[in-house]
Amino acid sequence: MLTLYHCSSARSFRPLWALEEIGIPYDLKMLPFPPRFLKREYLELNPLGTIPFLVDGDTPGFNVVRPIP
């Protein structure tokens, strides 16, 4: 099952919308914004602390949208 780490009113709304449109099951984890400062334990899962972050089963995730340097 897919797990999407999401913050309200953030760019992670796009993959959330896509998952809804596709209709596949997923688990949604809501985080405060910005998670790298307000949810420090999230850095253990995603060292960049960015969202969106998608995990597919046992495969640790990847950034769905890469930040622009």
Protein backbone atom coordinates (compact mmCIF):
# COMPACT_ATOMS: atom_id res chain seq x y z
CA MET A 1 0.00 0.00 0.00
CA LEU A 2 1.14 3.54 -0.69
CA THR A 3 1.66 6.03 2.13
CA LEU A 4 1.64 9.75 1.34
CA TYR A 5 3.10 12.25 3.80
CA HIS A 6 1.15 15.47 3.32
CA CYS A 7 0.87 18.99 4.73
CA SER A 8 -2.30 21.01 4.38
CA SER A 9 -2.15 23.76 1.74
CA ALA A 10 1.17 22.48 0.35
CA ARG A 11 2.32 21.09 -2.97
CA SER A 12 1.66 17.60 -1.61
CA PHE A 13 -1.96 18.25 -2.53
CA ARG A 14 -1.10 17.31 -6.13
CA PRO A 15 -0.12 13.68 -5.50
CA LEU A 16 -3.02 13.41 -3.05
CA TRP A 17 -5.38 14.53 -5.79
CA ALA A 18 -3.78 12.05 -8.23
CA LEU A 19 -4.21 9.17 -5.77
CA GLU A 20 -7.87 10.09 -5.35
CA GLU A 21 -8.42 10.26 -9.12
CA ILE A 22 -6.69 6.91 -9.71
CA GLY A 23 -8.76 5.33 -6.95
CA ILE A 24 -6.06 3.12 -5.46
CA PRO A 25 -5.89 2.58 -1.70
CA TYR A 26 -3.40 4.69 0.22
CA ASP A 27 -2.61 5.78 3.75
CA LEU A 28 -2.43 9.53 4.39
CA LYS A 29 -0.09 10.90 7.05
CA MET A 30 -0.77 14.53 7.91
CA LEU A 31 2.18 16.63 9.07
CA PRO A 32 2.48 20.20 10.35
CA PHE A 33 4.20 22.65 8.01
CA PRO A 34 7.18 22.75 7.78
CA PRO A 35 7.72 19.18 9.01
CA ARG A 36 11.53 19.48 9.20
CA PHE A 37 11.09 21.96 12.07
CA LEU A 38 7.78 20.97 13.65
CA LYS A 39 7.97 17.16 13.39
CA ARG A 40 11.66 16.35 13.93
CA GLU A 41 11.12 12.58 13.96
CA TYR A 42 10.03 12.85 10.30
CA LEU A 43 13.71 13.47 9.45
CA GLU A 44 14.45 9.83 10.30
CA LEU A 45 12.19 8.79 7.42
CA ASN A 46 13.04 11.64 5.03
CA PRO A 47 16.35 13.35 5.86
CA LEU A 48 15.47 16.32 3.65
CA GLY A 49 12.31 16.90 5.69
CA THR A 50 10.39 17.87 2.55
CA ILE A 51 6.92 16.99 1.41
CA PRO A 52 5.37 15.37 -0.51
CA PHE A 53 6.97 12.05 0.40
CA LEU A 54 5.62 8.78 -0.91
CA VAL A 55 6.36 5.30 0.45
CA ASP A 56 5.41 2.24 -1.58
CA GLY A 57 5.05 -0.78 0.71
CA ASP A 58 8.43 -1.60 2.23
CA THR A 59 10.32 0.60 -0.22
CA PRO A 60 11.28 3.82 1.55
CA GLY A 61 9.99 6.78 -0.29
CA PHE A 62 11.03 9.34 -2.71
CA ASN A 63 10.14 12.96 -3.17
CA VAL A 64 7.25 13.20 -5.57
CA VAL A 65 8.14 16.78 -6.41
CA ARG A 66 11.81 17.75 -6.08
CA PRO A 67 12.57 21.15 -4.58
CA ILE A 68 14.16 23.65 -6.95
CA PRO A 69 17.57 24.78 -5.64
